[in-house]
Amino acid sequence: MNPKLRTEAVDHLFDAVMQLKNKEECYLFFEDICTINELLSLSQRFEVASMLRENKTYLDIAEKTGASTATISRVNRSLKYGNDAYDMVLNRLKESSSDV
């Protein structure tokens, strides 16, 4: 984990996010804290990560998500050399959807 990221302000933000109780609260909070483009960029990266994990091609991902190849490469680099957080969350989502 990047030590530059660990600040009181980031801790405070994460504490706030963990207080959100449902998707509607997430929409309200993130619409207030992010611009529409910032939120769409975050969600796009997450979709790219999901599709890369499904072994989709860069071309398929770019066509489906509108992400640039630079964005796809950046997400792919995080998947390969990052903190494994994408995998952690994607696995949890998969597990929770199979529980339903």
Protein backbone atom coordinates (compact mmCIF):
# COMPACT_ATOMS: atom_id res chain seq x y z
CA MET A 1 0.00 0.00 0.00
CA ASN A 2 1.23 3.44 -0.89
CA PRO A 3 2.22 5.21 2.36
CA LYS A 4 1.51 8.61 0.77
CA LEU A 5 -2.14 7.56 0.60
CA ARG A 6 -2.43 6.94 4.33
CA THR A 7 -3.49 10.28 5.72
CA GLU A 8 -6.00 11.37 8.31
CA ALA A 9 -8.16 12.86 5.57
CA VAL A 10 -8.23 9.61 3.57
CA ASP A 11 -8.97 7.64 6.75
CA HIS A 12 -11.85 10.03 7.45
CA LEU A 13 -13.22 9.56 3.92
CA PHE A 14 -13.02 5.77 4.17
CA ASP A 15 -14.71 5.87 7.59
CA ALA A 16 -17.52 7.86 5.96
CA VAL A 17 -17.85 5.41 3.05
CA MET A 18 -18.10 2.50 5.47
CA GLN A 19 -21.12 4.21 7.08
CA LEU A 20 -23.16 3.97 3.87
CA LYS A 21 -25.93 1.41 4.32
CA ASN A 22 -27.25 0.76 0.83
CA LYS A 23 -26.88 1.56 -2.85
CA GLU A 24 -29.21 4.58 -2.64
CA GLU A 25 -27.01 6.13 0.08
CA CYS A 26 -23.98 5.43 -2.10
CA TYR A 27 -25.58 7.27 -5.00
CA LEU A 28 -26.39 10.26 -2.80
CA PHE A 29 -22.96 10.43 -1.17
CA PHE A 30 -20.88 9.86 -4.29
CA GLU A 31 -22.96 12.30 -6.31
CA ASP A 32 -22.16 14.92 -3.68
CA ILE A 33 -18.46 14.10 -3.32
CA CYS A 34 -17.55 13.34 -6.96
CA THR A 35 -18.21 15.00 -10.25
CA ILE A 36 -20.24 12.90 -12.64
CA ASN A 37 -17.11 12.33 -14.77
CA GLU A 38 -15.06 11.21 -11.74
CA LEU A 39 -17.70 8.70 -10.72
CA LEU A 40 -18.13 7.42 -14.27
CA SER A 41 -14.33 7.05 -14.56
CA LEU A 42 -14.18 5.03 -11.33
CA SER A 43 -17.02 2.77 -12.43
CA GLN A 44 -15.44 2.37 -15.87
CA ARG A 45 -12.15 1.21 -14.32
CA PHE A 46 -14.01 -1.29 -12.19
CA GLU A 47 -15.83 -2.66 -15.26
CA VAL A 48 -12.52 -2.88 -17.11
CA ALA A 49 -11.03 -4.88 -14.23
CA SER A 50 -14.00 -7.24 -14.23
CA MET A 51 -13.74 -7.79 -17.98
CA LEU A 52 -9.96 -8.32 -17.82
CA ARG A 53 -10.55 -10.99 -15.16
CA GLU A 54 -12.97 -12.63 -17.62
CA ASN A 55 -10.10 -12.66 -20.16
CA LYS A 56 -11.85 -10.27 -22.54
CA THR A 57 -9.64 -8.65 -25.17
CA TYR A 58 -8.65 -4.99 -25.04
CA LEU A 59 -10.77 -4.43 -28.15
CA ASP A 60 -13.86 -6.01 -26.56
CA ILE A 61 -13.33 -3.99 -23.38
CA ALA A 62 -12.80 -0.72 -25.25
CA GLU A 63 -15.94 -1.28 -27.34
CA LYS A 64 -18.12 -2.22 -24.33
CA THR A 65 -16.86 0.36 -21.83
CA GLY A 66 -15.53 3.18 -23.99
CA ALA A 67 -12.24 2.99 -22.05
CA SER A 68 -9.05 3.94 -23.81
CA THR A 69 -6.30 1.38 -24.24
CA ALA A 70 -4.24 3.50 -21.81
CA THR A 71 -6.93 3.08 -19.14
CA ILE A 72 -7.22 -0.62 -19.84
CA SER A 73 -3.42 -1.00 -19.57
CA ARG A 74 -3.35 0.95 -16.30
CA VAL A 75 -6.07 -1.28 -14.79
CA ASN A 76 -4.30 -4.38 -16.10
CA ARG A 77 -1.08 -3.23 -14.44
CA SER A 78 -2.97 -2.81 -11.14
CA LEU A 79 -4.40 -6.29 -11.50
CA LYS A 80 -0.95 -7.79 -12.07
CA TYR A 81 1.22 -5.72 -9.75
CA GLY A 82 -1.17 -3.95 -7.38
CA ASN A 83 -2.57 -4.82 -3.97
CA ASP A 84 -4.99 -7.51 -5.26
CA ALA A 85 -7.92 -5.36 -4.11
CA TYR A 86 -9.75 -5.66 -7.44
CA ASP A 87 -9.61 -9.45 -7.08
CA MET A 88 -10.71 -9.29 -3.45
CA VAL A 89 -13.80 -7.23 -4.30
CA LEU A 90 -14.64 -9.06 -7.52
CA ASN A 91 -14.43 -12.40 -5.69
CA ARG A 92 -16.69 -11.12 -2.92
CA LEU A 93 -19.22 -9.89 -5.47
CA LYS A 94 -19.14 -13.26 -7.20
CA GLU A 95 -19.61 -15.09 -3.90
CA SER A 96 -22.50 -12.85 -2.84
CA SER A 97 -24.26 -13.28 -6.18
CA SER A 98 -23.95 -17.07 -5.93
CA ASP A 99 -25.49 -16.94 -2.45
CA VAL A 100 -28.70 -15.47 -3.86
